[in-house]
């Protein structure tokens, strides 16, 4: 199965692999979006928590789907954080 997720079969090892594979890329993306590396790291942590909780809803038809799925979660969380900050 390689580097793809198996819906409903998430494990701590799988989460660890995702963090190692995509953590730096997601942190960079969120840092650009938010302009704050520490806040970006918090968003990336929340991204992995949400991904872990929703692993059973991930279809993962192609290996690149995993990266796109995680990126979409991180971008959405970043946008939500930006919107909340602007409302204050």
PDB file of N, CA and C in Angstrom:
ATOM      1  N   UNK A   1       0.793  -1.197   0.000  1.00  0.00           N
ATOM      2  CA  UNK A   1       0.000   0.000   0.000  1.00  0.00           C
ATOM      3  C   UNK A   1       0.837   1.264   0.000  1.00  0.00           C
ATOM      4  N   UNK A   2       2.070   1.197   0.417  1.00  0.00           N
ATOM      5  CA  UNK A   2       2.960   2.341   0.328  1.00  0.00           C
ATOM      6  C   UNK A   2       2.574   3.482   1.252  1.00  0.00           C
ATOM      7  N   UNK A   3       2.558   4.691   0.691  1.00  0.00           N
ATOM      8  CA  UNK A   3       2.323   5.894   1.484  1.00  0.00           C
ATOM      9  C   UNK A   3       0.882   6.371   1.466  1.00  0.00           C
ATOM     10  N   UNK A   4      -0.061   5.536   1.127  1.00  0.00           N
ATOM     11  CA  UNK A   4      -1.452   5.983   1.117  1.00  0.00           C
ATOM     12  C   UNK A   4      -2.133   5.600   2.417  1.00  0.00           C
ATOM     13  N   UNK A   5      -3.151   6.355   2.759  1.00  0.00           N
ATOM     14  CA  UNK A   5      -3.919   6.070   3.966  1.00  0.00           C
ATOM     15  C   UNK A   5      -4.992   5.056   3.657  1.00  0.00           C
ATOM     16  N   UNK A   6      -5.296   4.228   4.620  1.00  0.00           N
ATOM     17  CA  UNK A   6      -6.370   3.266   4.484  1.00  0.00           C
ATOM     18  C   UNK A   6      -7.528   3.791   5.328  1.00  0.00           C
ATOM     19  N   UNK A   7      -8.644   4.187   4.693  1.00  0.00           N
ATOM     20  CA  UNK A   7      -9.759   4.750   5.446  1.00  0.00           C
ATOM     21  C   UNK A   7     -10.164   3.864   6.617  1.00  0.00           C
ATOM     22  N   UNK A   8     -10.314   4.510   7.775  1.00  0.00           N
ATOM     23  CA  UNK A   8     -10.733   3.797   8.968  1.00  0.00           C
ATOM     24  C   UNK A   8      -9.637   2.981   9.626  1.00  0.00           C
ATOM     25  N   UNK A   9      -8.430   3.013   9.091  1.00  0.00           N
ATOM     26  CA  UNK A   9      -7.340   2.190   9.621  1.00  0.00           C
ATOM     27  C   UNK A   9      -6.165   3.049  10.088  1.00  0.00           C
ATOM     28  N   UNK A  10      -6.450   4.263  10.539  1.00  0.00           N
ATOM     29  CA  UNK A  10      -5.392   5.161  10.970  1.00  0.00           C
ATOM     30  C   UNK A  10      -4.720   4.634  12.235  1.00  0.00           C
ATOM     31  N   UNK A  11      -3.457   4.896  12.336  1.00  0.00           N
ATOM     32  CA  UNK A  11      -2.706   4.509  13.521  1.00  0.00           C
ATOM     33  C   UNK A  11      -1.778   5.662  13.884  1.00  0.00           C
ATOM     34  N   UNK A  12      -1.210   5.569  15.048  1.00  0.00           N
ATOM     35  CA  UNK A  12      -0.244   6.590  15.447  1.00  0.00           C
ATOM     36  C   UNK A  12       0.956   6.580  14.502  1.00  0.00           C
ATOM     37  N   UNK A  13       1.334   5.418  14.022  1.00  0.00           N
ATOM     38  CA  UNK A  13       2.454   5.329  13.079  1.00  0.00           C
ATOM     39  C   UNK A  13       2.118   6.049  11.777  1.00  0.00           C
ATOM     40  N   UNK A  14       0.887   5.920  11.324  1.00  0.00           N
ATOM     41  CA  UNK A  14       0.447   6.581  10.094  1.00  0.00           C
ATOM     42  C   UNK A  14       0.448   8.102  10.289  1.00  0.00           C
ATOM     43  N   UNK A  15      -0.034   8.544  11.429  1.00  0.00           N
ATOM     44  CA  UNK A  15      -0.038   9.972  11.743  1.00  0.00           C
ATOM     45  C   UNK A  15       1.399  10.493  11.796  1.00  0.00           C
ATOM     46  N   UNK A  16       2.260   9.745  12.411  1.00  0.00           N
ATOM     47  CA  UNK A  16       3.668  10.120  12.500  1.00  0.00           C
ATOM     48  C   UNK A  16       4.292  10.237  11.110  1.00  0.00           C
ATOM     49  N   UNK A  17       3.968   9.307  10.234  1.00  0.00           N
ATOM     50  CA  UNK A  17       4.495   9.344   8.863  1.00  0.00           C
ATOM     51  C   UNK A  17       4.001  10.587   8.134  1.00  0.00           C
ATOM     52  N   UNK A  18       2.715  10.902   8.298  1.00  0.00           N
ATOM     53  CA  UNK A  18       2.162  12.094   7.639  1.00  0.00           C
ATOM     54  C   UNK A  18       2.843  13.355   8.159  1.00  0.00           C
ATOM     55  N   UNK A  19       3.061  13.429   9.456  1.00  0.00           N
ATOM     56  CA  UNK A  19       3.701  14.604  10.031  1.00  0.00           C
ATOM     57  C   UNK A  19       5.125  14.768   9.499  1.00  0.00           C
ATOM     58  N   UNK A  20       5.829  13.668   9.398  1.00  0.00           N
ATOM     59  CA  UNK A  20       7.201  13.701   8.886  1.00  0.00           C
ATOM     60  C   UNK A  20       7.219  14.093   7.402  1.00  0.00           C
ATOM     61  N   UNK A  21       6.290  13.554   6.637  1.00  0.00           N
ATOM     62  CA  UNK A  21       6.255  13.787   5.199  1.00  0.00           C
ATOM     63  C   UNK A  21       5.782  15.193   4.836  1.00  0.00           C
ATOM     64  N   UNK A  22       4.753  15.680   5.509  1.00  0.00           N
ATOM     65  CA  UNK A  22       4.098  16.923   5.091  1.00  0.00           C
ATOM     66  C   UNK A  22       4.221  18.086   6.074  1.00  0.00           C
ATOM     67  N   UNK A  23       4.753  17.858   7.258  1.00  0.00           N
ATOM     68  CA  UNK A  23       4.800  18.900   8.277  1.00  0.00           C
ATOM     69  C   UNK A  23       5.504  20.176   7.845  1.00  0.00           C
ATOM     70  N   UNK A  24       6.694  20.054   7.297  1.00  0.00           N
ATOM     71  CA  UNK A  24       7.463  21.235   6.900  1.00  0.00           C
ATOM     72  C   UNK A  24       6.773  21.992   5.764  1.00  0.00           C
ATOM     73  N   UNK A  25       6.243  21.261   4.798  1.00  0.00           N
ATOM     74  CA  UNK A  25       5.558  21.902   3.679  1.00  0.00           C
ATOM     75  C   UNK A  25       4.328  22.658   4.163  1.00  0.00           C
ATOM     76  N   UNK A  26       3.546  22.032   5.040  1.00  0.00           N
ATOM     77  CA  UNK A  26       2.342  22.686   5.553  1.00  0.00           C
ATOM     78  C   UNK A  26       2.700  23.895   6.419  1.00  0.00           C
ATOM     79  N   UNK A  27       3.762  23.781   7.202  1.00  0.00           N
ATOM     80  CA  UNK A  27       4.196  24.917   8.020  1.00  0.00           C
ATOM     81  C   UNK A  27       4.600  26.088   7.128  1.00  0.00           C
ATOM     82  N   UNK A  28       5.305  25.819   6.062  1.00  0.00           N
ATOM     83  CA  UNK A  28       5.688  26.878   5.125  1.00  0.00           C
ATOM     84  C   UNK A  28       4.482  27.537   4.481  1.00  0.00           C
ATOM     85  N   UNK A  29       3.542  26.723   4.045  1.00  0.00           N
ATOM     86  CA  UNK A  29       2.333  27.243   3.411  1.00  0.00           C
ATOM     87  C   UNK A  29       1.548  28.120   4.382  1.00  0.00           C
ATOM     88  N   UNK A  30       1.358  27.631   5.588  1.00  0.00           N
ATOM     89  CA  UNK A  30       0.591  28.392   6.585  1.00  0.00           C
ATOM     90  C   UNK A  30       1.332  29.649   7.033  1.00  0.00           C
ATOM     91  N   UNK A  31       2.660  29.599   7.078  1.00  0.00           N
ATOM     92  CA  UNK A  31       3.432  30.785   7.435  1.00  0.00           C
ATOM     93  C   UNK A  31       3.229  31.880   6.400  1.00  0.00           C
ATOM     94  N   UNK A  32       3.225  31.517   5.137  1.00  0.00           N
ATOM     95  CA  UNK A  32       2.977  32.496   4.080  1.00  0.00           C
ATOM     96  C   UNK A  32       1.566  33.075   4.213  1.00  0.00           C
ATOM     97  N   UNK A  33       0.598  32.222   4.469  1.00  0.00           N
ATOM     98  CA  UNK A  33      -0.792  32.686   4.571  1.00  0.00           C
ATOM     99  C   UNK A  33      -1.030  33.555   5.794  1.00  0.00           C
ATOM    100  N   UNK A  34      -0.395  33.217   6.912  1.00  0.00           N
ATOM    101  CA  UNK A  34      -0.665  33.886   8.178  1.00  0.00           C
ATOM    102  C   UNK A  34       0.356  34.963   8.556  1.00  0.00           C
ATOM    103  N   UNK A  35       1.558  34.853   8.005  1.00  0.00           N
ATOM    104  CA  UNK A  35       2.604  35.806   8.342  1.00  0.00           C
ATOM    105  C   UNK A  35       3.181  35.621   9.736  1.00  0.00           C
ATOM    106  N   UNK A  36       2.980  34.460  10.332  1.00  0.00           N
ATOM    107  CA  UNK A  36       3.433  34.188  11.693  1.00  0.00           C
ATOM    108  C   UNK A  36       3.763  32.703  11.805  1.00  0.00           C
ATOM    109  N   UNK A  37       5.051  32.402  11.966  1.00  0.00           N
ATOM    110  CA  UNK A  37       5.484  31.004  11.979  1.00  0.00           C
ATOM    111  C   UNK A  37       4.927  30.232  13.175  1.00  0.00           C
ATOM    112  N   UNK A  38       4.871  30.869  14.333  1.00  0.00           N
ATOM    113  CA  UNK A  38       4.358  30.174  15.519  1.00  0.00           C
ATOM    114  C   UNK A  38       2.876  29.847  15.373  1.00  0.00           C
ATOM    115  N   UNK A  39       2.123  30.780  14.853  1.00  0.00           N
ATOM    116  CA  UNK A  39       0.708  30.538  14.592  1.00  0.00           C
ATOM    117  C   UNK A  39       0.557  29.455  13.527  1.00  0.00           C
ATOM    118  N   UNK A  40       1.405  29.482  12.522  1.00  0.00           N
ATOM    119  CA  UNK A  40       1.381  28.458  11.472  1.00  0.00           C
ATOM    120  C   UNK A  40       1.627  27.069  12.067  1.00  0.00           C
ATOM    121  N   UNK A  41       2.560  26.963  12.994  1.00  0.00           N
ATOM    122  CA  UNK A  41       2.839  25.673  13.631  1.00  0.00           C
ATOM    123  C   UNK A  41       1.611  25.172  14.402  1.00  0.00           C
ATOM    124  N   UNK A  42       0.902  26.090  15.067  1.00  0.00           N
ATOM    125  CA  UNK A  42      -0.335  25.710  15.762  1.00  0.00           C
ATOM    126  C   UNK A  42      -1.381  25.200  14.777  1.00  0.00           C
ATOM    127  N   UNK A  43      -1.506  25.883  13.645  1.00  0.00           N
ATOM    128  CA  UNK A  43      -2.479  25.486  12.618  1.00  0.00           C
ATOM    129  C   UNK A  43      -2.121  24.117  12.053  1.00  0.00           C
ATOM    130  N   UNK A  44      -0.853  23.878  11.822  1.00  0.00           N
ATOM    131  CA  UNK A  44      -0.418  22.573  11.288  1.00  0.00           C
ATOM    132  C   UNK A  44      -0.706  21.466  12.302  1.00  0.00           C
ATOM    133  N   UNK A  45      -0.481  21.736  13.561  1.00  0.00           N
ATOM    134  CA  UNK A  45      -0.805  20.739  14.591  1.00  0.00           C
ATOM    135  C   UNK A  45      -2.299  20.428  14.560  1.00  0.00           C
ATOM    136  N   UNK A  46      -3.121  21.455  14.476  1.00  0.00           N
ATOM    137  CA  UNK A  46      -4.574  21.257  14.391  1.00  0.00           C
ATOM    138  C   UNK A  46      -4.953  20.518  13.106  1.00  0.00           C
ATOM    139  N   UNK A  47      -4.233  20.773  12.030  1.00  0.00           N
ATOM    140  CA  UNK A  47      -4.470  20.064  10.762  1.00  0.00           C
ATOM    141  C   UNK A  47      -4.311  18.563  10.953  1.00  0.00           C
ATOM    142  N   UNK A  48      -3.222  18.150  11.593  1.00  0.00           N
ATOM    143  CA  UNK A  48      -2.976  16.724  11.788  1.00  0.00           C
ATOM    144  C   UNK A  48      -3.977  16.106  12.762  1.00  0.00           C
ATOM    145  N   UNK A  49      -4.391  16.848  13.758  1.00  0.00           N
ATOM    146  CA  UNK A  49      -5.409  16.345  14.688  1.00  0.00           C
ATOM    147  C   UNK A  49      -6.715  16.101  13.937  1.00  0.00           C
ATOM    148  N   UNK A  50      -7.113  17.070  13.127  1.00  0.00           N
ATOM    149  CA  UNK A  50      -8.361  16.912  12.364  1.00  0.00           C
ATOM    150  C   UNK A  50      -8.256  15.783  11.348  1.00  0.00           C
ATOM    151  N   UNK A  51      -7.123  15.695  10.684  1.00  0.00           N
ATOM    152  CA  UNK A  51      -6.934  14.623   9.704  1.00  0.00           C
ATOM    153  C   UNK A  51      -7.025  13.257  10.382  1.00  0.00           C
ATOM    154  N   UNK A  52      -6.400  13.133  11.527  1.00  0.00           N
ATOM    155  CA  UNK A  52      -6.425  11.864  12.262  1.00  0.00           C
ATOM    156  C   UNK A  52      -7.857  11.488  12.638  1.00  0.00           C
ATOM    157  N   UNK A  53      -8.619  12.474  13.112  1.00  0.00           N
ATOM    158  CA  UNK A  53      -9.999  12.225  13.518  1.00  0.00           C
ATOM    159  C   UNK A  53     -10.901  11.889  12.326  1.00  0.00           C
ATOM    160  N   UNK A  54     -10.579  12.432  11.162  1.00  0.00           N
ATOM    161  CA  UNK A  54     -11.426  12.252   9.978  1.00  0.00           C
ATOM    162  C   UNK A  54     -10.851  11.254   8.976  1.00  0.00           C
ATOM    163  N   UNK A  55      -9.868  10.483   9.404  1.00  0.00           N
ATOM    164  CA  UNK A  55      -9.195   9.557   8.506  1.00  0.00           C
ATOM    165  C   UNK A  55     -10.171   8.623   7.793  1.00  0.00           C
ATOM    166  N   UNK A  56     -11.238   8.238   8.467  1.00  0.00           N
ATOM    167  CA  UNK A  56     -12.186   7.315   7.849  1.00  0.00           C
ATOM    168  C   UNK A  56     -12.968   7.954   6.704  1.00  0.00           C
ATOM    169  N   UNK A  57     -12.987   9.294   6.627  1.00  0.00           N
ATOM    170  CA  UNK A  57     -13.702   9.956   5.527  1.00  0.00           C
ATOM    171  C   UNK A  57     -12.787  10.242   4.337  1.00  0.00           C
ATOM    172  N   UNK A  58     -11.483   9.991   4.503  1.00  0.00           N
ATOM    173  CA  UNK A  58     -10.522  10.229   3.420  1.00  0.00           C
ATOM    174  C   UNK A  58     -10.576   9.084   2.430  1.00  0.00           C
ATOM    175  N   UNK A  59     -10.802   9.419   1.157  1.00  0.00           N
ATOM    176  CA  UNK A  59     -10.910   8.384   0.121  1.00  0.00           C
ATOM    177  C   UNK A  59      -9.550   7.888  -0.349  1.00  0.00           C
ATOM    178  N   UNK A  60      -8.600   8.785  -0.550  1.00  0.00           N
ATOM    179  CA  UNK A  60      -7.233   8.423  -0.900  1.00  0.00           C
ATOM    180  C   UNK A  60      -7.083   7.585  -2.139  1.00  0.00           C
ATOM    181  N   UNK A  61      -7.759   7.994  -3.220  1.00  0.00           N
ATOM    182  CA  UNK A  61      -7.671   7.212  -4.453  1.00  0.00           C
ATOM    183  C   UNK A  61      -6.277   7.240  -5.077  1.00  0.00           C
ATOM    184  N   UNK A  62      -5.557   8.360  -4.877  1.00  0.00           N
ATOM    185  CA  UNK A  62      -4.205   8.493  -5.430  1.00  0.00           C
ATOM    186  C   UNK A  62      -3.280   8.986  -4.326  1.00  0.00           C
ATOM    187  N   UNK A  63      -2.014   8.630  -4.371  1.00  0.00           N
ATOM    188  CA  UNK A  63      -1.079   9.075  -3.329  1.00  0.00           C
ATOM    189  C   UNK A  63      -1.046  10.599  -3.161  1.00  0.00           C
ATOM    190  N   UNK A  64      -1.146  11.349  -4.263  1.00  0.00           N
ATOM    191  CA  UNK A  64      -1.112  12.810  -4.168  1.00  0.00           C
ATOM    192  C   UNK A  64      -2.375  13.381  -3.523  1.00  0.00           C
ATOM    193  N   UNK A  65      -3.416  12.567  -3.424  1.00  0.00           N
ATOM    194  CA  UNK A  65      -4.644  13.004  -2.763  1.00  0.00           C
ATOM    195  C   UNK A  65      -4.401  13.306  -1.292  1.00  0.00           C
ATOM    196  N   UNK A  66      -3.525  12.557  -0.668  1.00  0.00           N
ATOM    197  CA  UNK A  66      -3.207  12.761   0.744  1.00  0.00           C
ATOM    198  C   UNK A  66      -2.641  14.161   0.966  1.00  0.00           C
ATOM    199  N   UNK A  67      -1.686  14.556   0.140  1.00  0.00           N
ATOM    200  CA  UNK A  67      -1.078  15.884   0.244  1.00  0.00           C
ATOM    201  C   UNK A  67      -2.127  16.968   0.008  1.00  0.00           C
ATOM    202  N   UNK A  68      -2.953  16.801  -1.007  1.00  0.00           N
ATOM    203  CA  UNK A  68      -3.989  17.788  -1.322  1.00  0.00           C
ATOM    204  C   UNK A  68      -5.002  17.897  -0.182  1.00  0.00           C
ATOM    205  N   UNK A  69      -5.382  16.768   0.389  1.00  0.00           N
ATOM    206  CA  UNK A  69      -6.342  16.740   1.492  1.00  0.00           C
ATOM    207  C   UNK A  69      -5.794  17.488   2.704  1.00  0.00           C
ATOM    208  N   UNK A  70      -4.573  17.199   3.087  1.00  0.00           N
ATOM    209  CA  UNK A  70      -3.953  17.870   4.229  1.00  0.00           C
ATOM    210  C   UNK A  70      -3.764  19.363   3.971  1.00  0.00           C
ATOM    211  N   UNK A  71      -3.371  19.700   2.753  1.00  0.00           N
ATOM    212  CA  UNK A  71      -3.191  21.114   2.396  1.00  0.00           C
ATOM    213  C   UNK A  71      -4.513  21.858   2.481  1.00  0.00           C
ATOM    214  N   UNK A  72      -5.581  21.253   2.005  1.00  0.00           N
ATOM    215  CA  UNK A  72      -6.896  21.895   2.057  1.00  0.00           C
ATOM    216  C   UNK A  72      -7.328  22.123   3.503  1.00  0.00           C
ATOM    217  N   UNK A  73      -7.103  21.168   4.375  1.00  0.00           N
ATOM    218  CA  UNK A  73      -7.435  21.343   5.791  1.00  0.00           C
ATOM    219  C   UNK A  73      -6.642  22.519   6.365  1.00  0.00           C
ATOM    220  N   UNK A  74      -5.345  22.556   6.095  1.00  0.00           N
ATOM    221  CA  UNK A  74      -4.482  23.618   6.628  1.00  0.00           C
ATOM    222  C   UNK A  74      -4.878  24.992   6.090  1.00  0.00           C
ATOM    223  N   UNK A  75      -5.169  25.071   4.810  1.00  0.00           N
ATOM    224  CA  UNK A  75      -5.567  26.353   4.205  1.00  0.00           C
ATOM    225  C   UNK A  75      -6.903  26.819   4.788  1.00  0.00           C
ATOM    226  N   UNK A  76      -7.838  25.901   4.942  1.00  0.00           N
ATOM    227  CA  UNK A  76      -9.132  26.266   5.530  1.00  0.00           C
ATOM    228  C   UNK A  76      -8.980  26.749   6.969  1.00  0.00           C
ATOM    229  N   UNK A  77      -8.167  26.067   7.755  1.00  0.00           N
ATOM    230  CA  UNK A  77      -7.928  26.500   9.132  1.00  0.00           C
ATOM    231  C   UNK A  77      -7.244  27.866   9.168  1.00  0.00           C
ATOM    232  N   UNK A  78      -6.304  28.086   8.264  1.00  0.00           N
ATOM    233  CA  UNK A  78      -5.622  29.383   8.191  1.00  0.00           C
ATOM    234  C   UNK A  78      -6.602  30.493   7.830  1.00  0.00           C
ATOM    235  N   UNK A  79      -7.468  30.219   6.873  1.00  0.00           N
ATOM    236  CA  UNK A  79      -8.459  31.216   6.462  1.00  0.00           C
ATOM    237  C   UNK A  79      -9.412  31.523   7.613  1.00  0.00           C
ATOM    238  N   UNK A  80      -9.832  30.502   8.332  1.00  0.00           N
ATOM    239  CA  UNK A  80     -10.722  30.701   9.479  1.00  0.00           C
ATOM    240  C   UNK A  80     -10.050  31.548  10.549  1.00  0.00           C
ATOM    241  N   UNK A  81      -8.785  31.288  10.796  1.00  0.00           N
ATOM    242  CA  UNK A  81      -8.032  32.040  11.799  1.00  0.00           C
ATOM    243  C   UNK A  81      -7.904  33.503  11.358  1.00  0.00           C
ATOM    244  N   UNK A  82      -7.634  33.739  10.092  1.00  0.00           N
ATOM    245  CA  UNK A  82      -7.514  35.089   9.568  1.00  0.00           C
ATOM    246  C   UNK A  82      -8.839  35.838   9.684  1.00  0.00           C
ATOM    247  N   UNK A  83      -9.921  35.167   9.342  1.00  0.00           N
ATOM    248  CA  UNK A  83     -11.260  35.782   9.445  1.00  0.00           C
ATOM    249  C   UNK A  83     -11.587  36.127  10.893  1.00  0.00           C
ATOM    250  N   UNK A  84     -11.295  35.225  11.811  1.00  0.00           N
ATOM    251  CA  UNK A  84     -11.565  35.499  13.235  1.00  0.00           C
ATOM    252  C   UNK A  84     -10.748  36.675  13.732  1.00  0.00           C
ATOM    253  N   UNK A  85      -9.488  36.759  13.286  1.00  0.00           N
ATOM    254  CA  UNK A  85      -8.625  37.853  13.712  1.00  0.00           C
ATOM    255  C   UNK A  85      -9.125  39.194  13.192  1.00  0.00           C
ATOM    256  N   UNK A  86      -9.659  39.199  11.991  1.00  0.00           N
ATOM    257  CA  UNK A  86     -10.163  40.438  11.402  1.00  0.00           C
ATOM    258  C   UNK A  86     -11.452  40.903  12.041  1.00  0.00           C
ATOM    259  N   UNK A  87     -12.210  39.986  12.642  1.00  0.00           N
ATOM    260  CA  UNK A  87     -13.475  40.338  13.283  1.00  0.00           C
ATOM    261  C   UNK A  87     -13.252  41.006  14.635  1.00  0.00           C
ATOM    262  N   UNK A  88     -12.080  40.812  15.212  1.00  0.00           N
ATOM    263  CA  UNK A  88     -11.813  41.372  16.553  1.00  0.00           C
ATOM    264  C   UNK A  88     -11.499  42.832  16.489  1.00  0.00           C
TER     265      UNK A  88
END
